[in-house]
């Protein structure tokens, strides 16, 4: 029997009765310089259900300051954030950028939150697991309904590894 390679099969692991039997799991053993396989691992190879690797916290971060439209934090990514190549996964980096930009905005608005409506991230250099990085964010423009924030992730030497821009919708206070 040929494996099901449809889009639905890519999202779920199929059981013998062709019903979803759990979430997709990545096949192991990607060789250096190759992408990981995007097909379900054989049942005997699976150990446990895969959960979101950053569900509790995107690494170990500590907010150092958040005032006057600026925020600074220290961030140490953990091994569970690695992509198949051993550096931090881009989605987790985007989460850190978004959180830091939000921290720069929060002291400037009256509402308890502001949804991100757009996020752009430029990955200039890989972020390695185990390092400690500084994340700095600044509000570039704040209007009545929208705010724009820029963020950078820096290494110990001050080199910009990643930069990003967030656009926030500022809810009206009630």
C-alpha atoms as a PDB file:
ATOM      1  CA  UNK A   1       0.000   0.000   0.000  1.00  0.00           C
ATOM      2  CA  UNK A   2       1.399   3.418  -0.983  1.00  0.00           C
ATOM      3  CA  UNK A   3       1.638   6.074   1.769  1.00  0.00           C
ATOM      4  CA  UNK A   4      -0.881   8.907   1.634  1.00  0.00           C
ATOM      5  CA  UNK A   5       0.998  12.041   0.605  1.00  0.00           C
ATOM      6  CA  UNK A   6      -2.020  14.349   0.430  1.00  0.00           C
ATOM      7  CA  UNK A   7      -2.113  17.629   2.324  1.00  0.00           C
ATOM      8  CA  UNK A   8      -4.370  16.082   4.992  1.00  0.00           C
ATOM      9  CA  UNK A   9      -1.862  13.285   5.518  1.00  0.00           C
ATOM     10  CA  UNK A  10       0.893  15.833   5.973  1.00  0.00           C
ATOM     11  CA  UNK A  11      -1.022  17.319   8.890  1.00  0.00           C
ATOM     12  CA  UNK A  12      -2.011  14.140  10.678  1.00  0.00           C
ATOM     13  CA  UNK A  13      -0.706  10.632  11.164  1.00  0.00           C
ATOM     14  CA  UNK A  14      -3.146   8.163   9.596  1.00  0.00           C
ATOM     15  CA  UNK A  15      -4.313   5.044  11.342  1.00  0.00           C
ATOM     16  CA  UNK A  16      -5.284   1.745   9.747  1.00  0.00           C
ATOM     17  CA  UNK A  17      -8.889   2.923   9.257  1.00  0.00           C
ATOM     18  CA  UNK A  18      -7.625   6.129   7.522  1.00  0.00           C
ATOM     19  CA  UNK A  19      -8.804   8.324  10.390  1.00  0.00           C
ATOM     20  CA  UNK A  20      -6.456  10.840  12.038  1.00  0.00           C
ATOM     21  CA  UNK A  21      -4.703   9.140  14.910  1.00  0.00           C
ATOM     22  CA  UNK A  22      -2.565  12.000  16.184  1.00  0.00           C
ATOM     23  CA  UNK A  23      -0.460  14.959  15.162  1.00  0.00           C
ATOM     24  CA  UNK A  24       2.177  14.867  12.466  1.00  0.00           C
ATOM     25  CA  UNK A  25       5.613  13.936  13.711  1.00  0.00           C
ATOM     26  CA  UNK A  26       8.795  14.769  11.844  1.00  0.00           C
ATOM     27  CA  UNK A  27      10.924  11.936  10.575  1.00  0.00           C
ATOM     28  CA  UNK A  28      14.270  11.849  12.278  1.00  0.00           C
ATOM     29  CA  UNK A  29      17.743  11.680  10.842  1.00  0.00           C
ATOM     30  CA  UNK A  30      18.045  14.699   8.543  1.00  0.00           C
ATOM     31  CA  UNK A  31      21.565  14.797   7.213  1.00  0.00           C
ATOM     32  CA  UNK A  32      23.644  17.934   7.443  1.00  0.00           C
ATOM     33  CA  UNK A  33      22.636  20.440   4.787  1.00  0.00           C
ATOM     34  CA  UNK A  34      19.269  18.767   4.101  1.00  0.00           C
ATOM     35  CA  UNK A  35      15.779  19.604   5.259  1.00  0.00           C
ATOM     36  CA  UNK A  36      14.093  17.195   7.631  1.00  0.00           C
ATOM     37  CA  UNK A  37      11.609  14.812   6.039  1.00  0.00           C
ATOM     38  CA  UNK A  38       8.030  16.016   6.228  1.00  0.00           C
ATOM     39  CA  UNK A  39       6.289  12.677   6.401  1.00  0.00           C
ATOM     40  CA  UNK A  40       4.988  10.796   9.438  1.00  0.00           C
ATOM     41  CA  UNK A  41       7.523   8.673  11.263  1.00  0.00           C
ATOM     42  CA  UNK A  42       6.750   4.966  11.444  1.00  0.00           C
ATOM     43  CA  UNK A  43       4.660   4.100  14.496  1.00  0.00           C
ATOM     44  CA  UNK A  44       7.433   1.979  16.014  1.00  0.00           C
ATOM     45  CA  UNK A  45       9.850   4.970  15.788  1.00  0.00           C
ATOM     46  CA  UNK A  46       7.552   7.385  17.660  1.00  0.00           C
ATOM     47  CA  UNK A  47       8.233   7.840  21.339  1.00  0.00           C
ATOM     48  CA  UNK A  48       5.559  10.217  22.606  1.00  0.00           C
ATOM     49  CA  UNK A  49       3.169  12.901  21.446  1.00  0.00           C
ATOM     50  CA  UNK A  50       5.072  16.025  20.343  1.00  0.00           C
ATOM     51  CA  UNK A  51       4.046  19.191  22.146  1.00  0.00           C
ATOM     52  CA  UNK A  52       4.835  22.795  21.252  1.00  0.00           C
ATOM     53  CA  UNK A  53       8.469  23.225  22.278  1.00  0.00           C
ATOM     54  CA  UNK A  54       7.981  26.776  23.538  1.00  0.00           C
ATOM     55  CA  UNK A  55       4.561  26.420  25.161  1.00  0.00           C
ATOM     56  CA  UNK A  56       5.703  27.564  28.606  1.00  0.00           C
ATOM     57  CA  UNK A  57       8.169  30.260  27.563  1.00  0.00           C
ATOM     58  CA  UNK A  58      10.248  31.122  24.507  1.00  0.00           C
ATOM     59  CA  UNK A  59      13.524  30.353  26.243  1.00  0.00           C
ATOM     60  CA  UNK A  60      14.840  31.948  29.326  1.00  0.00           C
ATOM     61  CA  UNK A  61      14.260  35.654  29.027  1.00  0.00           C
ATOM     62  CA  UNK A  62      14.371  38.482  31.470  1.00  0.00           C
ATOM     63  CA  UNK A  63      12.983  41.936  30.853  1.00  0.00           C
ATOM     64  CA  UNK A  64      15.609  44.452  31.880  1.00  0.00           C
ATOM     65  CA  UNK A  65      13.618  47.628  31.188  1.00  0.00           C
ATOM     66  CA  UNK A  66      10.412  48.802  29.562  1.00  0.00           C
ATOM     67  CA  UNK A  67       9.750  52.560  29.577  1.00  0.00           C
ATOM     68  CA  UNK A  68       9.568  55.625  27.361  1.00  0.00           C
ATOM     69  CA  UNK A  69       8.780  53.555  24.267  1.00  0.00           C
ATOM     70  CA  UNK A  70      11.859  51.354  24.664  1.00  0.00           C
ATOM     71  CA  UNK A  71      12.333  47.827  25.965  1.00  0.00           C
ATOM     72  CA  UNK A  72      15.396  45.713  26.613  1.00  0.00           C
ATOM     73  CA  UNK A  73      15.578  42.063  27.549  1.00  0.00           C
ATOM     74  CA  UNK A  74      18.115  39.294  27.922  1.00  0.00           C
ATOM     75  CA  UNK A  75      17.304  36.022  26.141  1.00  0.00           C
ATOM     76  CA  UNK A  76      18.944  32.577  26.312  1.00  0.00           C
ATOM     77  CA  UNK A  77      17.372  30.114  23.839  1.00  0.00           C
ATOM     78  CA  UNK A  78      17.042  26.521  25.009  1.00  0.00           C
ATOM     79  CA  UNK A  79      17.789  23.286  23.057  1.00  0.00           C
ATOM     80  CA  UNK A  80      14.093  22.552  22.481  1.00  0.00           C
ATOM     81  CA  UNK A  81      14.006  25.598  20.176  1.00  0.00           C
ATOM     82  CA  UNK A  82      16.479  24.191  17.665  1.00  0.00           C
ATOM     83  CA  UNK A  83      15.608  23.725  14.027  1.00  0.00           C
ATOM     84  CA  UNK A  84      17.024  20.686  12.161  1.00  0.00           C
ATOM     85  CA  UNK A  85      20.286  22.607  11.599  1.00  0.00           C
ATOM     86  CA  UNK A  86      20.953  23.336  15.279  1.00  0.00           C
ATOM     87  CA  UNK A  87      20.186  27.057  15.384  1.00  0.00           C
ATOM     88  CA  UNK A  88      17.041  28.673  16.826  1.00  0.00           C
ATOM     89  CA  UNK A  89      13.879  28.147  14.758  1.00  0.00           C
ATOM     90  CA  UNK A  90      12.738  31.312  12.977  1.00  0.00           C
ATOM     91  CA  UNK A  91       9.210  31.168  14.391  1.00  0.00           C
ATOM     92  CA  UNK A  92      10.524  31.313  17.924  1.00  0.00           C
ATOM     93  CA  UNK A  93      12.761  34.253  17.014  1.00  0.00           C
ATOM     94  CA  UNK A  94       9.687  36.016  15.594  1.00  0.00           C
ATOM     95  CA  UNK A  95       7.863  35.406  18.892  1.00  0.00           C
ATOM     96  CA  UNK A  96      10.723  37.006  20.829  1.00  0.00           C
ATOM     97  CA  UNK A  97      10.701  40.038  18.474  1.00  0.00           C
ATOM     98  CA  UNK A  98       6.921  40.390  18.878  1.00  0.00           C
ATOM     99  CA  UNK A  99       7.059  40.151  22.686  1.00  0.00           C
ATOM    100  CA  UNK A 100       9.868  42.678  22.965  1.00  0.00           C
ATOM    101  CA  UNK A 101       8.133  45.173  20.665  1.00  0.00           C
ATOM    102  CA  UNK A 102       4.943  44.728  22.689  1.00  0.00           C
ATOM    103  CA  UNK A 103       6.864  45.420  25.904  1.00  0.00           C
ATOM    104  CA  UNK A 104       8.083  48.712  24.424  1.00  0.00           C
ATOM    105  CA  UNK A 105       4.494  49.711  23.571  1.00  0.00           C
ATOM    106  CA  UNK A 106       2.604  48.643  26.704  1.00  0.00           C
ATOM    107  CA  UNK A 107       3.708  51.524  28.992  1.00  0.00           C
ATOM    108  CA  UNK A 108       2.553  54.012  26.334  1.00  0.00           C
ATOM    109  CA  UNK A 109      -1.077  52.880  25.993  1.00  0.00           C
ATOM    110  CA  UNK A 110      -4.085  52.680  28.307  1.00  0.00           C
ATOM    111  CA  UNK A 111      -5.415  49.298  27.176  1.00  0.00           C
ATOM    112  CA  UNK A 112      -3.949  46.060  28.587  1.00  0.00           C
ATOM    113  CA  UNK A 113      -2.920  44.737  25.167  1.00  0.00           C
ATOM    114  CA  UNK A 114      -2.514  45.641  21.510  1.00  0.00           C
ATOM    115  CA  UNK A 115      -2.783  42.971  18.822  1.00  0.00           C
ATOM    116  CA  UNK A 116       0.026  42.594  16.318  1.00  0.00           C
ATOM    117  CA  UNK A 117      -1.361  43.170  12.831  1.00  0.00           C
ATOM    118  CA  UNK A 118       1.895  42.761  10.921  1.00  0.00           C
ATOM    119  CA  UNK A 119       5.310  41.349  11.732  1.00  0.00           C
ATOM    120  CA  UNK A 120       8.381  41.404   9.501  1.00  0.00           C
ATOM    121  CA  UNK A 121      11.584  39.643  10.527  1.00  0.00           C
ATOM    122  CA  UNK A 122      14.954  39.749   8.778  1.00  0.00           C
ATOM    123  CA  UNK A 123      17.260  36.887   9.761  1.00  0.00           C
ATOM    124  CA  UNK A 124      20.761  38.272   9.192  1.00  0.00           C
ATOM    125  CA  UNK A 125      22.792  35.617  11.065  1.00  0.00           C
ATOM    126  CA  UNK A 126      21.857  32.360  12.824  1.00  0.00           C
ATOM    127  CA  UNK A 127      21.117  32.493  16.531  1.00  0.00           C
ATOM    128  CA  UNK A 128      22.845  29.605  18.244  1.00  0.00           C
ATOM    129  CA  UNK A 129      21.412  27.570  21.080  1.00  0.00           C
ATOM    130  CA  UNK A 130      23.003  28.205  24.471  1.00  0.00           C
ATOM    131  CA  UNK A 131      24.094  31.795  23.921  1.00  0.00           C
ATOM    132  CA  UNK A 132      22.740  34.818  25.738  1.00  0.00           C
ATOM    133  CA  UNK A 133      21.446  37.623  23.556  1.00  0.00           C
ATOM    134  CA  UNK A 134      20.199  41.153  24.111  1.00  0.00           C
ATOM    135  CA  UNK A 135      16.893  42.160  22.533  1.00  0.00           C
ATOM    136  CA  UNK A 136      16.255  45.903  22.182  1.00  0.00           C
ATOM    137  CA  UNK A 137      13.015  47.393  20.893  1.00  0.00           C
ATOM    138  CA  UNK A 138      11.824  50.930  20.301  1.00  0.00           C
ATOM    139  CA  UNK A 139       8.558  52.530  19.254  1.00  0.00           C
ATOM    140  CA  UNK A 140       9.187  54.306  15.952  1.00  0.00           C
ATOM    141  CA  UNK A 141       5.734  55.856  15.599  1.00  0.00           C
ATOM    142  CA  UNK A 142       2.601  55.853  17.723  1.00  0.00           C
ATOM    143  CA  UNK A 143      -0.711  57.216  16.576  1.00  0.00           C
ATOM    144  CA  UNK A 144      -4.251  56.908  17.953  1.00  0.00           C
ATOM    145  CA  UNK A 145      -4.967  53.583  16.244  1.00  0.00           C
ATOM    146  CA  UNK A 146      -1.582  52.171  15.188  1.00  0.00           C
ATOM    147  CA  UNK A 147       1.955  51.855  16.510  1.00  0.00           C
ATOM    148  CA  UNK A 148       5.162  50.761  14.790  1.00  0.00           C
ATOM    149  CA  UNK A 149       8.067  49.225  16.707  1.00  0.00           C
ATOM    150  CA  UNK A 150      11.525  48.121  15.603  1.00  0.00           C
ATOM    151  CA  UNK A 151      13.523  45.419  17.362  1.00  0.00           C
ATOM    152  CA  UNK A 152      17.025  43.958  17.128  1.00  0.00           C
ATOM    153  CA  UNK A 153      18.598  40.845  18.619  1.00  0.00           C
ATOM    154  CA  UNK A 154      22.277  41.416  19.393  1.00  0.00           C
ATOM    155  CA  UNK A 155      25.116  39.096  20.346  1.00  0.00           C
ATOM    156  CA  UNK A 156      27.746  39.844  23.026  1.00  0.00           C
ATOM    157  CA  UNK A 157      29.829  41.860  20.538  1.00  0.00           C
ATOM    158  CA  UNK A 158      26.851  44.072  19.641  1.00  0.00           C
ATOM    159  CA  UNK A 159      26.373  42.568  16.168  1.00  0.00           C
ATOM    160  CA  UNK A 160      22.761  42.640  14.949  1.00  0.00           C
ATOM    161  CA  UNK A 161      21.744  39.032  14.267  1.00  0.00           C
ATOM    162  CA  UNK A 162      18.048  39.617  13.616  1.00  0.00           C
ATOM    163  CA  UNK A 163      15.938  42.697  13.143  1.00  0.00           C
ATOM    164  CA  UNK A 164      12.198  43.010  12.991  1.00  0.00           C
ATOM    165  CA  UNK A 165       9.318  45.449  12.752  1.00  0.00           C
ATOM    166  CA  UNK A 166       5.896  45.083  14.350  1.00  0.00           C
ATOM    167  CA  UNK A 167       2.733  46.994  13.553  1.00  0.00           C
ATOM    168  CA  UNK A 168       0.222  47.053  16.414  1.00  0.00           C
ATOM    169  CA  UNK A 169      -3.426  48.033  16.460  1.00  0.00           C
ATOM    170  CA  UNK A 170      -4.118  50.172  19.497  1.00  0.00           C
ATOM    171  CA  UNK A 171      -7.614  49.360  20.797  1.00  0.00           C
ATOM    172  CA  UNK A 172      -9.818  52.241  21.854  1.00  0.00           C
ATOM    173  CA  UNK A 173     -10.237  52.504  25.606  1.00  0.00           C
ATOM    174  CA  UNK A 174     -13.784  52.036  26.800  1.00  0.00           C
END
